[in-house]
Amino acid sequence: MRGGQHAPVDTVVFDLDGTLVDSVYQHVLAWQAAFRDVGLRVSGAAVHHSIGMGGDRLVSQVAGTAVERAVGDEVRRAHDHHFRDLLSQVHETKGASDLLERLGSSHQLVLASSGSQETTEALLSVVDAASALDVVVSGSEVEHSKPAPDLIRLAMRSVRAEHAIVIGDSVWDARAAQACAVPAVGLLCGGIDETSLREAGAGSIYLDPAALLEQLGTSPLGAT
């Protein structure tokens, strides 16, 4: 750091669901259907607030550790089945490709998604500028998903990042970034409110990728 200025950001770590693709509510429906398959009813709000952490954590977060032990794997398999049926409804968030193309000209771009490799690849197929991403890291590659720091750390190591920033829509993204001592930008397009994102550690908040791109010059990425 020199003259009170932070070193320029060289790497942007993106979340996927709710950040680059508008898939949060399809996930909510798929998880609710999966729980119904095993005879359980769960709150849509509880599921929504858990989207962004991996399936390895979500079942116990929503329904408790006893359900996880009894039918956790079954619920995860059912979610994947139901979610595949909803994939045709998913599209990229407003401005996602434009933001990737703009940042890709000046930064290393890494995707860090808690989802499985198969689901991550399927969702990226709806993002026109997905090729701007230098590396894609999925939940299949780490032992612990967000809010654990594993995904962010792996994403940063994959491109030898020196100064990174995380862009995500959930409190789990912000907490994972905080655990890595990396600043986080929060987006509202995943349906989580600004107060929750700020309390989780997001320093700046924007409506969606289009709004971040429009205000890029005054954002934490503006100096670069």
C-alpha atoms as a PDB file:
ATOM      1  CA  MET A   1       0.000   0.000   0.000  1.00  0.00           C
ATOM      2  CA  ARG A   2       1.336   3.478  -0.872  1.00  0.00           C
ATOM      3  CA  GLY A   3      -0.018   6.921  -0.158  1.00  0.00           C
ATOM      4  CA  GLY A   4      -3.045   5.427   1.614  1.00  0.00           C
ATOM      5  CA  GLN A   5      -4.143   3.603  -1.544  1.00  0.00           C
ATOM      6  CA  HIS A   6      -4.850  -0.107  -1.658  1.00  0.00           C
ATOM      7  CA  ALA A   7      -2.980  -2.214  -4.187  1.00  0.00           C
ATOM      8  CA  PRO A   8      -5.043  -2.651  -7.352  1.00  0.00           C
ATOM      9  CA  VAL A   9      -7.259  -5.702  -7.621  1.00  0.00           C
ATOM     10  CA  ASP A  10      -5.852  -8.254 -10.057  1.00  0.00           C
ATOM     11  CA  THR A  11      -8.462 -11.010  -9.647  1.00  0.00           C
ATOM     12  CA  VAL A  12     -12.255 -11.074  -9.429  1.00  0.00           C
ATOM     13  CA  VAL A  13     -13.853 -14.171  -7.908  1.00  0.00           C
ATOM     14  CA  PHE A  14     -17.473 -14.543  -9.021  1.00  0.00           C
ATOM     15  CA  ASP A  15     -20.262 -16.543  -7.456  1.00  0.00           C
ATOM     16  CA  LEU A  16     -22.687 -18.166  -9.936  1.00  0.00           C
ATOM     17  CA  ASP A  17     -26.245 -18.739  -8.655  1.00  0.00           C
ATOM     18  CA  GLY A  18     -27.999 -15.414  -8.176  1.00  0.00           C
ATOM     19  CA  THR A  19     -24.909 -13.510  -9.318  1.00  0.00           C
ATOM     20  CA  LEU A  20     -24.278 -14.440 -12.950  1.00  0.00           C
ATOM     21  CA  VAL A  21     -27.412 -16.539 -13.444  1.00  0.00           C
ATOM     22  CA  ASP A  22     -30.957 -15.921 -12.183  1.00  0.00           C
ATOM     23  CA  SER A  23     -31.413 -19.378 -10.700  1.00  0.00           C
ATOM     24  CA  VAL A  24     -32.089 -18.845  -6.999  1.00  0.00           C
ATOM     25  CA  TYR A  25     -35.834 -19.403  -7.115  1.00  0.00           C
ATOM     26  CA  GLN A  26     -35.503 -22.478  -9.333  1.00  0.00           C
ATOM     27  CA  HIS A  27     -33.173 -23.884  -6.661  1.00  0.00           C
ATOM     28  CA  VAL A  28     -35.733 -23.075  -3.973  1.00  0.00           C
ATOM     29  CA  LEU A  29     -38.445 -24.965  -5.855  1.00  0.00           C
ATOM     30  CA  ALA A  30     -36.112 -27.907  -6.512  1.00  0.00           C
ATOM     31  CA  TRP A  31     -35.087 -28.187  -2.842  1.00  0.00           C
ATOM     32  CA  GLN A  32     -38.689 -27.967  -1.658  1.00  0.00           C
ATOM     33  CA  ALA A  33     -39.674 -30.718  -4.098  1.00  0.00           C
ATOM     34  CA  ALA A  34     -36.718 -32.823  -2.939  1.00  0.00           C
ATOM     35  CA  PHE A  35     -37.735 -32.525   0.703  1.00  0.00           C
ATOM     36  CA  ARG A  36     -41.323 -33.410  -0.211  1.00  0.00           C
ATOM     37  CA  ASP A  37     -39.997 -36.555  -1.882  1.00  0.00           C
ATOM     38  CA  VAL A  38     -38.844 -37.768   1.531  1.00  0.00           C
ATOM     39  CA  GLY A  39     -42.039 -36.669   3.260  1.00  0.00           C
ATOM     40  CA  LEU A  40     -40.898 -33.301   4.624  1.00  0.00           C
ATOM     41  CA  ARG A  41     -42.215 -29.785   4.134  1.00  0.00           C
ATOM     42  CA  VAL A  42     -39.739 -26.950   4.488  1.00  0.00           C
ATOM     43  CA  SER A  43     -40.119 -23.192   4.345  1.00  0.00           C
ATOM     44  CA  GLY A  44     -39.331 -21.548   1.024  1.00  0.00           C
ATOM     45  CA  ALA A  45     -37.848 -18.605   2.916  1.00  0.00           C
ATOM     46  CA  ALA A  46     -35.525 -20.906   4.871  1.00  0.00           C
ATOM     47  CA  VAL A  47     -34.339 -22.534   1.654  1.00  0.00           C
ATOM     48  CA  HIS A  48     -33.899 -19.169  -0.054  1.00  0.00           C
ATOM     49  CA  HIS A  49     -31.660 -17.847   2.711  1.00  0.00           C
ATOM     50  CA  SER A  50     -29.568 -21.029   2.479  1.00  0.00           C
ATOM     51  CA  ILE A  51     -28.928 -20.840  -1.269  1.00  0.00           C
ATOM     52  CA  GLY A  52     -25.257 -20.138  -1.863  1.00  0.00           C
ATOM     53  CA  MET A  53     -23.959 -22.698   0.587  1.00  0.00           C
ATOM     54  CA  GLY A  54     -23.365 -26.144  -0.839  1.00  0.00           C
ATOM     55  CA  GLY A  55     -25.789 -29.022  -0.691  1.00  0.00           C
ATOM     56  CA  ASP A  56     -23.437 -30.647   1.815  1.00  0.00           C
ATOM     57  CA  ARG A  57     -24.547 -27.972   4.298  1.00  0.00           C
ATOM     58  CA  LEU A  58     -28.002 -26.964   3.120  1.00  0.00           C
ATOM     59  CA  VAL A  59     -29.978 -30.040   4.225  1.00  0.00           C
ATOM     60  CA  SER A  60     -28.918 -29.735   7.854  1.00  0.00           C
ATOM     61  CA  GLN A  61     -29.218 -25.932   7.737  1.00  0.00           C
ATOM     62  CA  VAL A  62     -32.849 -26.154   6.609  1.00  0.00           C
ATOM     63  CA  ALA A  63     -34.071 -29.368   8.234  1.00  0.00           C
ATOM     64  CA  GLY A  64     -31.596 -30.263  10.975  1.00  0.00           C
ATOM     65  CA  THR A  65     -28.772 -32.726  11.512  1.00  0.00           C
ATOM     66  CA  ALA A  66     -31.072 -35.696  12.081  1.00  0.00           C
ATOM     67  CA  VAL A  67     -32.570 -35.274   8.608  1.00  0.00           C
ATOM     68  CA  GLU A  68     -29.097 -34.892   7.140  1.00  0.00           C
ATOM     69  CA  ARG A  69     -27.961 -38.148   8.722  1.00  0.00           C
ATOM     70  CA  ALA A  70     -31.096 -40.030   7.668  1.00  0.00           C
ATOM     71  CA  VAL A  71     -31.781 -38.817   4.131  1.00  0.00           C
ATOM     72  CA  GLY A  72     -29.259 -36.092   3.246  1.00  0.00           C
ATOM     73  CA  ASP A  73     -27.824 -37.847   0.192  1.00  0.00           C
ATOM     74  CA  GLU A  74     -31.305 -38.795  -1.022  1.00  0.00           C
ATOM     75  CA  VAL A  75     -32.491 -35.186  -0.776  1.00  0.00           C
ATOM     76  CA  ARG A  76     -29.438 -33.923  -2.683  1.00  0.00           C
ATOM     77  CA  ARG A  77     -29.981 -36.413  -5.485  1.00  0.00           C
ATOM     78  CA  ALA A  78     -33.658 -35.468  -5.699  1.00  0.00           C
ATOM     79  CA  HIS A  79     -32.753 -31.757  -5.795  1.00  0.00           C
ATOM     80  CA  ASP A  80     -30.428 -32.316  -8.737  1.00  0.00           C
ATOM     81  CA  HIS A  81     -33.165 -34.215 -10.562  1.00  0.00           C
ATOM     82  CA  HIS A  82     -35.800 -31.535  -9.973  1.00  0.00           C
ATOM     83  CA  PHE A  83     -33.375 -28.714 -10.783  1.00  0.00           C
ATOM     84  CA  ARG A  84     -32.506 -30.243 -14.162  1.00  0.00           C
ATOM     85  CA  ASP A  85     -36.205 -30.047 -15.036  1.00  0.00           C
ATOM     86  CA  LEU A  86     -36.109 -26.288 -14.325  1.00  0.00           C
ATOM     87  CA  LEU A  87     -32.886 -25.432 -16.147  1.00  0.00           C
ATOM     88  CA  SER A  88     -34.743 -24.182 -19.212  1.00  0.00           C
ATOM     89  CA  GLN A  89     -36.174 -21.359 -17.059  1.00  0.00           C
ATOM     90  CA  VAL A  90     -32.759 -20.049 -16.005  1.00  0.00           C
ATOM     91  CA  HIS A  91     -31.117 -17.090 -17.756  1.00  0.00           C
ATOM     92  CA  GLU A  92     -28.185 -14.845 -16.992  1.00  0.00           C
ATOM     93  CA  THR A  93     -28.667 -11.897 -14.670  1.00  0.00           C
ATOM     94  CA  LYS A  94     -28.924  -8.401 -16.143  1.00  0.00           C
ATOM     95  CA  GLY A  95     -25.528  -7.258 -17.377  1.00  0.00           C
ATOM     96  CA  ALA A  96     -23.669 -10.442 -16.416  1.00  0.00           C
ATOM     97  CA  SER A  97     -21.963 -10.982 -19.762  1.00  0.00           C
ATOM     98  CA  ASP A  98     -21.224  -7.292 -20.226  1.00  0.00           C
ATOM     99  CA  LEU A  99     -19.535  -7.177 -16.823  1.00  0.00           C
ATOM    100  CA  LEU A 100     -17.489 -10.310 -17.539  1.00  0.00           C
ATOM    101  CA  GLU A 101     -16.317  -8.927 -20.871  1.00  0.00           C
ATOM    102  CA  ARG A 102     -15.374  -5.572 -19.347  1.00  0.00           C
ATOM    103  CA  LEU A 103     -13.507  -6.997 -16.365  1.00  0.00           C
ATOM    104  CA  GLY A 104     -11.904  -9.749 -18.427  1.00  0.00           C
ATOM    105  CA  SER A 105      -9.871  -7.155 -20.300  1.00  0.00           C
ATOM    106  CA  SER A 106      -8.131  -6.022 -17.114  1.00  0.00           C
ATOM    107  CA  HIS A 107      -8.478  -8.763 -14.480  1.00  0.00           C
ATOM    108  CA  GLN A 108      -8.180 -12.475 -13.954  1.00  0.00           C
ATOM    109  CA  LEU A 109     -11.697 -13.862 -13.604  1.00  0.00           C
ATOM    110  CA  VAL A 110     -12.446 -16.964 -11.566  1.00  0.00           C
ATOM    111  CA  LEU A 111     -15.798 -18.615 -10.868  1.00  0.00           C
ATOM    112  CA  ALA A 112     -16.246 -20.175  -7.416  1.00  0.00           C
ATOM    113  CA  SER A 113     -19.584 -21.975  -7.146  1.00  0.00           C
ATOM    114  CA  SER A 114     -20.731 -24.203  -4.288  1.00  0.00           C
ATOM    115  CA  GLY A 115     -22.675 -26.305  -6.800  1.00  0.00           C
ATOM    116  CA  SER A 116     -21.458 -29.549  -8.308  1.00  0.00           C
ATOM    117  CA  GLN A 117     -19.307 -29.521 -11.409  1.00  0.00           C
ATOM    118  CA  GLU A 118     -22.193 -30.857 -13.526  1.00  0.00           C
ATOM    119  CA  THR A 119     -24.636 -28.197 -12.346  1.00  0.00           C
ATOM    120  CA  THR A 120     -22.024 -25.451 -12.653  1.00  0.00           C
ATOM    121  CA  GLU A 121     -21.300 -26.371 -16.270  1.00  0.00           C
ATOM    122  CA  ALA A 122     -25.005 -26.501 -17.107  1.00  0.00           C
ATOM    123  CA  LEU A 123     -25.629 -23.056 -15.632  1.00  0.00           C
ATOM    124  CA  LEU A 124     -22.607 -21.503 -17.321  1.00  0.00           C
ATOM    125  CA  SER A 125     -24.037 -22.591 -20.669  1.00  0.00           C
ATOM    126  CA  VAL A 126     -26.633 -19.807 -20.373  1.00  0.00           C
ATOM    127  CA  VAL A 127     -23.983 -17.103 -19.804  1.00  0.00           C
ATOM    128  CA  ASP A 128     -22.959 -15.690 -23.173  1.00  0.00           C
ATOM    129  CA  ALA A 129     -19.548 -14.464 -21.990  1.00  0.00           C
ATOM    130  CA  ALA A 130     -18.645 -17.494 -19.855  1.00  0.00           C
ATOM    131  CA  SER A 131     -15.495 -17.889 -21.952  1.00  0.00           C
ATOM    132  CA  ALA A 132     -14.143 -14.737 -20.277  1.00  0.00           C
ATOM    133  CA  LEU A 133     -13.649 -16.778 -17.095  1.00  0.00           C
ATOM    134  CA  ASP A 134     -10.060 -17.959 -16.716  1.00  0.00           C
ATOM    135  CA  VAL A 135     -10.825 -20.734 -14.228  1.00  0.00           C
ATOM    136  CA  VAL A 136     -13.985 -22.402 -12.933  1.00  0.00           C
ATOM    137  CA  VAL A 137     -13.971 -23.947  -9.455  1.00  0.00           C
ATOM    138  CA  SER A 138     -16.971 -25.949  -8.202  1.00  0.00           C
ATOM    139  CA  GLY A 139     -18.041 -27.392  -4.898  1.00  0.00           C
ATOM    140  CA  SER A 140     -16.999 -30.828  -6.163  1.00  0.00           C
ATOM    141  CA  GLU A 141     -13.350 -29.766  -5.760  1.00  0.00           C
ATOM    142  CA  VAL A 142     -13.311 -28.827  -2.081  1.00  0.00           C
ATOM    143  CA  GLU A 143     -14.112 -30.554   1.177  1.00  0.00           C
ATOM    144  CA  HIS A 144     -16.215 -27.730   2.610  1.00  0.00           C
ATOM    145  CA  SER A 145     -18.472 -25.366   0.656  1.00  0.00           C
ATOM    146  CA  LYS A 146     -19.296 -21.734   1.482  1.00  0.00           C
ATOM    147  CA  PRO A 147     -19.277 -20.125   3.975  1.00  0.00           C
ATOM    148  CA  ALA A 148     -16.028 -22.046   4.559  1.00  0.00           C
ATOM    149  CA  PRO A 149     -13.098 -20.305   2.846  1.00  0.00           C
ATOM    150  CA  ASP A 150     -12.047 -23.367   0.817  1.00  0.00           C
ATOM    151  CA  LEU A 151     -13.618 -22.331  -2.500  1.00  0.00           C
ATOM    152  CA  ILE A 152     -12.303 -18.782  -2.422  1.00  0.00           C
ATOM    153  CA  ARG A 153      -8.822 -19.940  -1.461  1.00  0.00           C
ATOM    154  CA  LEU A 154      -8.766 -22.539  -4.238  1.00  0.00           C
ATOM    155  CA  ALA A 155     -10.024 -19.970  -6.751  1.00  0.00           C
ATOM    156  CA  MET A 156      -7.283 -17.532  -5.774  1.00  0.00           C
ATOM    157  CA  ARG A 157      -4.554 -20.186  -5.841  1.00  0.00           C
ATOM    158  CA  SER A 158      -5.674 -21.333  -9.274  1.00  0.00           C
ATOM    159  CA  VAL A 159      -4.561 -18.029 -10.824  1.00  0.00           C
ATOM    160  CA  ARG A 160      -1.961 -17.011  -8.207  1.00  0.00           C
ATOM    161  CA  ALA A 161      -4.037 -14.017  -7.239  1.00  0.00           C
ATOM    162  CA  GLU A 162      -2.311 -11.332  -5.204  1.00  0.00           C
ATOM    163  CA  HIS A 163      -5.202  -8.933  -4.613  1.00  0.00           C
ATOM    164  CA  ALA A 164      -8.673 -10.392  -5.150  1.00  0.00           C
ATOM    165  CA  ILE A 165     -12.248  -9.294  -4.632  1.00  0.00           C
ATOM    166  CA  VAL A 166     -15.347 -11.493  -4.390  1.00  0.00           C
ATOM    167  CA  ILE A 167     -18.638 -10.664  -6.121  1.00  0.00           C
ATOM    168  CA  GLY A 168     -21.683 -12.568  -4.878  1.00  0.00           C
ATOM    169  CA  ASP A 169     -25.340 -12.295  -3.929  1.00  0.00           C
ATOM    170  CA  SER A 170     -25.535 -14.264  -0.681  1.00  0.00           C
ATOM    171  CA  VAL A 171     -24.360 -13.866   2.882  1.00  0.00           C
ATOM    172  CA  TRP A 172     -22.382 -17.084   2.384  1.00  0.00           C
ATOM    173  CA  ASP A 173     -20.291 -15.440  -0.341  1.00  0.00           C
ATOM    174  CA  ALA A 174     -19.536 -12.485   1.915  1.00  0.00           C
ATOM    175  CA  ARG A 175     -18.682 -14.682   4.894  1.00  0.00           C
ATOM    176  CA  ALA A 176     -16.402 -16.888   2.795  1.00  0.00           C
ATOM    177  CA  ALA A 177     -14.626 -13.795   1.498  1.00  0.00           C
ATOM    178  CA  GLN A 178     -14.294 -12.427   5.022  1.00  0.00           C
ATOM    179  CA  ALA A 179     -12.782 -15.725   6.166  1.00  0.00           C
ATOM    180  CA  CYS A 180     -10.105 -15.232   3.502  1.00  0.00           C
ATOM    181  CA  ALA A 181      -9.569 -11.556   4.407  1.00  0.00           C
ATOM    182  CA  VAL A 182     -10.765 -10.618   0.914  1.00  0.00           C
ATOM    183  CA  PRO A 183     -13.197  -7.744   0.268  1.00  0.00           C
ATOM    184  CA  ALA A 184     -16.671  -8.613  -1.004  1.00  0.00           C
ATOM    185  CA  VAL A 185     -19.132  -6.846  -3.280  1.00  0.00           C
ATOM    186  CA  GLY A 186     -22.774  -7.794  -2.764  1.00  0.00           C
ATOM    187  CA  LEU A 187     -25.478  -7.965  -5.436  1.00  0.00           C
ATOM    188  CA  LEU A 188     -29.199  -7.753  -4.666  1.00  0.00           C
ATOM    189  CA  CYS A 189     -30.341  -9.774  -7.695  1.00  0.00           C
ATOM    190  CA  GLY A 190     -30.343 -13.009  -5.674  1.00  0.00           C
ATOM    191  CA  GLY A 191     -33.069 -11.673  -3.401  1.00  0.00           C
ATOM    192  CA  ILE A 192     -31.076 -11.121  -0.202  1.00  0.00           C
ATOM    193  CA  ASP A 193     -31.497  -7.696   1.383  1.00  0.00           C
ATOM    194  CA  GLU A 194     -28.761  -5.080   1.669  1.00  0.00           C
ATOM    195  CA  THR A 195     -28.644  -5.113   5.469  1.00  0.00           C
ATOM    196  CA  SER A 196     -28.010  -8.867   5.594  1.00  0.00           C
ATOM    197  CA  LEU A 197     -25.262  -8.622   2.983  1.00  0.00           C
ATOM    198  CA  ARG A 198     -23.537  -5.763   4.788  1.00  0.00           C
ATOM    199  CA  GLU A 199     -23.751  -7.537   8.145  1.00  0.00           C
ATOM    200  CA  ALA A 200     -22.121 -10.584   6.523  1.00  0.00           C
ATOM    201  CA  GLY A 201     -19.192  -8.483   5.348  1.00  0.00           C
ATOM    202  CA  ALA A 202     -20.042  -7.043   1.916  1.00  0.00           C
ATOM    203  CA  GLY A 203     -18.521  -3.579   1.745  1.00  0.00           C
ATOM    204  CA  SER A 204     -20.336  -2.378  -1.370  1.00  0.00           C
ATOM    205  CA  ILE A 205     -23.801  -3.272  -2.666  1.00  0.00           C
ATOM    206  CA  TYR A 206     -25.251  -3.027  -6.187  1.00  0.00           C
ATOM    207  CA  LEU A 207     -28.580  -4.062  -7.670  1.00  0.00           C
ATOM    208  CA  ASP A 208     -27.144  -6.423 -10.272  1.00  0.00           C
ATOM    209  CA  PRO A 209     -24.120  -6.822 -12.608  1.00  0.00           C
ATOM    210  CA  ALA A 210     -25.491  -4.107 -14.899  1.00  0.00           C
ATOM    211  CA  ALA A 211     -25.594  -1.612 -12.025  1.00  0.00           C
ATOM    212  CA  LEU A 212     -22.065  -2.543 -10.951  1.00  0.00           C
ATOM    213  CA  LEU A 213     -20.833  -2.060 -14.508  1.00  0.00           C
ATOM    214  CA  GLU A 214     -22.571   1.310 -14.741  1.00  0.00           C
ATOM    215  CA  GLN A 215     -20.922   2.439 -11.502  1.00  0.00           C
ATOM    216  CA  LEU A 216     -17.607   0.654 -12.067  1.00  0.00           C
ATOM    217  CA  GLY A 217     -15.562   3.838 -11.835  1.00  0.00           C
ATOM    218  CA  THR A 218     -16.654   4.498  -8.251  1.00  0.00           C
ATOM    219  CA  SER A 219     -16.721   0.826  -7.203  1.00  0.00           C
ATOM    220  CA  PRO A 220     -13.895  -1.036  -5.406  1.00  0.00           C
ATOM    221  CA  LEU A 221     -12.790  -2.089  -8.906  1.00  0.00           C
ATOM    222  CA  GLY A 222     -12.712   1.480 -10.201  1.00  0.00           C
ATOM    223  CA  ALA A 223      -9.054   2.131  -9.508  1.00  0.00           C
ATOM    224  CA  THR A 224      -8.118  -0.578 -11.970  1.00  0.00           C
END
